[in-house]
Amino acid sequence: MIQINYPTQKPAIKSLQGKELIFCAIRKRWYVITPEEWVRQNFILYLIHVLQYPASLIAVEKQITIGAIKRRFDIVVYKNDVPYLVIECKEMNVPLTEQTLTQVLHYNATVNAPYLAITNGNYCKAFLKTDNGMYEIFELPTAATR
């Protein structure tokens, strides 16, 4: 597993009408803080400030169709306009199980990225998909390794 060392930058948070909101640097909007949204927004900052991915290459919660079912992936990082890394975010208290991996694999059947990751905000499991199978990797690819 990969332990996530977050940057010093933190997402902007504010209160509005009794609700706590968190700002999404990608979608440029405020969202109600849920445990999963907290993980998603902090992981986005990790992608930008630690792994050095440009924000312009990151998509958040876009709808995809799997068979006849519409779903939304959490995060996809692009390379040359092609999906490169698909990330599924879970709440901090949710263990990274095969069920979570299966979820991101279903998304990737449509997205078809070579790298997959699942995170609960504390830890991350990452995988590289090749023609010969899928292999766990022990560090996420950075923008420089693209």
Protein backbone atom coordinates (compact mmCIF):
# COMPACT_ATOMS: atom_id res chain seq x y z
CA MET A 1 0.00 0.00 0.00
CA ILE A 2 1.02 3.57 -0.60
CA GLN A 3 0.81 5.99 2.31
CA ILE A 4 -0.35 9.41 1.15
CA ASN A 5 1.77 12.36 2.26
CA TYR A 6 -0.47 15.33 1.56
CA PRO A 7 0.92 18.74 0.61
CA THR A 8 0.77 21.70 2.95
CA GLN A 9 -1.92 23.21 0.70
CA LYS A 10 -5.40 22.42 1.99
CA PRO A 11 -8.78 22.79 0.27
CA ALA A 12 -10.69 25.95 1.06
CA ILE A 13 -13.55 25.35 3.50
CA LYS A 14 -16.41 27.66 4.46
CA SER A 15 -19.75 27.60 6.26
CA LEU A 16 -22.90 28.66 4.48
CA GLN A 17 -26.41 28.44 5.90
CA GLY A 18 -25.29 25.96 8.55
CA LYS A 19 -23.46 23.68 6.09
CA GLU A 20 -19.74 23.10 5.77
CA LEU A 21 -18.57 23.44 2.16
CA ILE A 22 -15.29 22.51 0.47
CA PHE A 23 -13.98 24.08 -2.74
CA CYS A 24 -13.12 21.90 -5.72
CA ALA A 25 -10.05 23.27 -7.51
CA ILE A 26 -11.02 21.39 -10.69
CA ARG A 27 -14.74 22.13 -10.95
CA LYS A 28 -14.34 25.64 -9.44
CA ARG A 29 -17.40 25.15 -7.21
CA TRP A 30 -18.25 24.63 -3.56
CA TYR A 31 -19.58 21.24 -2.42
CA VAL A 32 -21.04 20.02 0.86
CA ILE A 33 -18.31 18.28 2.82
CA THR A 34 -19.00 14.57 3.11
CA PRO A 35 -16.32 12.12 4.23
CA GLU A 36 -15.80 10.99 0.62
CA GLU A 37 -15.75 14.58 -0.72
CA TRP A 38 -13.06 15.45 1.84
CA VAL A 39 -10.91 12.58 0.55
CA ARG A 40 -11.56 13.50 -3.10
CA GLN A 41 -10.62 17.17 -2.66
CA ASN A 42 -7.48 16.45 -0.64
CA PHE A 43 -6.43 13.78 -3.15
CA ILE A 44 -6.87 16.28 -5.99
CA LEU A 45 -4.43 18.61 -4.22
CA TYR A 46 -2.05 15.67 -3.78
CA LEU A 47 -2.21 15.03 -7.55
CA ILE A 48 -1.54 18.69 -8.33
CA HIS A 49 1.04 19.65 -5.68
CA VAL A 50 2.87 16.38 -4.98
CA LEU A 51 2.58 14.37 -8.19
CA GLN A 52 2.69 17.60 -10.28
CA TYR A 53 -0.27 16.92 -12.59
CA PRO A 54 -1.68 20.08 -14.17
CA ALA A 55 -5.23 20.75 -12.98
CA SER A 56 -6.28 21.07 -16.64
CA LEU A 57 -5.60 17.33 -17.11
CA ILE A 58 -7.81 16.21 -14.21
CA ALA A 59 -11.54 15.41 -14.50
CA VAL A 60 -13.78 14.94 -11.46
CA GLU A 61 -17.08 13.06 -11.19
CA LYS A 62 -17.82 12.73 -14.89
CA GLN A 63 -20.64 10.46 -15.97
CA ILE A 64 -19.88 7.27 -17.86
CA THR A 65 -22.15 4.48 -19.07
CA ILE A 66 -21.38 0.89 -18.11
CA GLY A 67 -23.72 -1.29 -20.12
CA ALA A 68 -27.07 0.41 -19.59
CA ILE A 69 -26.11 1.84 -16.18
CA LYS A 70 -24.92 5.42 -15.70
CA ARG A 71 -22.15 5.91 -13.13
CA ARG A 72 -19.73 8.65 -12.14
CA PHE A 73 -16.03 8.08 -11.65
CA ASP A 74 -14.29 10.08 -8.91
CA ILE A 75 -11.11 11.27 -10.64
CA VAL A 76 -9.44 10.67 -14.01
CA VAL A 77 -6.06 12.11 -15.01
CA TYR A 78 -5.47 12.47 -18.75
CA LYS A 79 -2.35 12.20 -20.90
CA ASN A 80 -2.55 13.45 -24.51
CA ASP A 81 -6.36 13.65 -24.21
CA VAL A 82 -6.52 9.94 -23.26
CA PRO A 83 -7.41 8.63 -19.79
CA TYR A 84 -4.18 7.76 -17.97
CA LEU A 85 -5.08 7.23 -14.29
CA VAL A 86 -8.51 6.39 -12.82
CA ILE A 87 -8.96 6.96 -9.08
CA GLU A 88 -11.80 5.76 -6.86
CA CYS A 89 -12.12 7.58 -3.53
CA LYS A 90 -13.67 6.16 -0.38
CA GLU A 91 -14.24 7.56 3.10
CA MET A 92 -11.29 7.38 5.47
CA ASN A 93 -12.82 4.58 7.54
CA VAL A 94 -13.53 2.37 4.50
CA PRO A 95 -10.92 -0.35 3.95
CA LEU A 96 -9.43 -0.78 0.48
CA THR A 97 -10.96 -4.11 -0.49
CA GLU A 98 -11.41 -6.20 -3.60
CA GLN A 99 -14.94 -4.75 -3.84
CA THR A 100 -13.47 -1.24 -4.17
CA LEU A 101 -10.99 -2.51 -6.74
CA THR A 102 -13.82 -4.19 -8.66
CA GLN A 103 -15.65 -0.86 -8.74
CA VAL A 104 -12.72 0.96 -10.35
CA LEU A 105 -12.20 -1.98 -12.75
CA HIS A 106 -15.82 -1.63 -13.91
CA TYR A 107 -15.26 2.09 -14.53
CA ASN A 108 -12.05 1.34 -16.35
CA ALA A 109 -13.82 -1.06 -18.72
CA THR A 110 -15.25 2.12 -20.26
CA VAL A 111 -12.42 4.57 -19.53
CA ASN A 112 -9.53 2.19 -20.43
CA ALA A 113 -6.66 3.85 -18.53
CA PRO A 114 -3.38 2.01 -17.92
CA TYR A 115 -3.18 3.09 -14.25
CA LEU A 116 -5.83 2.51 -11.59
CA ALA A 117 -5.89 3.60 -7.96
CA ILE A 118 -8.19 3.29 -4.97
CA THR A 119 -7.81 5.49 -1.91
CA ASN A 120 -9.42 6.06 1.46
CA GLY A 121 -7.48 9.24 2.09
CA ASN A 122 -4.92 7.57 4.34
CA TYR A 123 -3.65 4.95 1.95
CA CYS A 124 -3.80 4.13 -1.71
CA LYS A 125 -3.47 0.95 -3.73
CA ALA A 126 -2.35 1.39 -7.31
CA PHE A 127 -2.20 -0.90 -10.31
CA LEU A 128 -0.76 -0.93 -13.81
CA LYS A 129 -2.79 -2.65 -16.51
CA THR A 130 -0.78 -4.15 -19.37
CA ASP A 131 -1.50 -6.61 -22.16
CA ASN A 132 -0.15 -9.34 -19.86
CA GLY A 133 -2.40 -8.54 -16.88
CA MET A 134 -2.72 -6.16 -13.98
CA TYR A 135 0.07 -5.59 -11.48
CA GLU A 136 0.11 -3.78 -8.16
CA ILE A 137 2.58 -0.89 -8.11
CA PHE A 138 3.91 0.75 -4.99
CA GLU A 139 4.03 4.37 -6.07
CA LEU A 140 1.72 6.42 -8.23
CA PRO A 141 3.08 7.72 -11.51
CA THR A 142 4.02 11.39 -11.36
CA ALA A 143 3.53 13.91 -14.12
CA ALA A 144 7.28 13.62 -14.81
CA THR A 145 7.02 9.85 -15.42
CA ARG A 146 4.28 10.30 -17.97
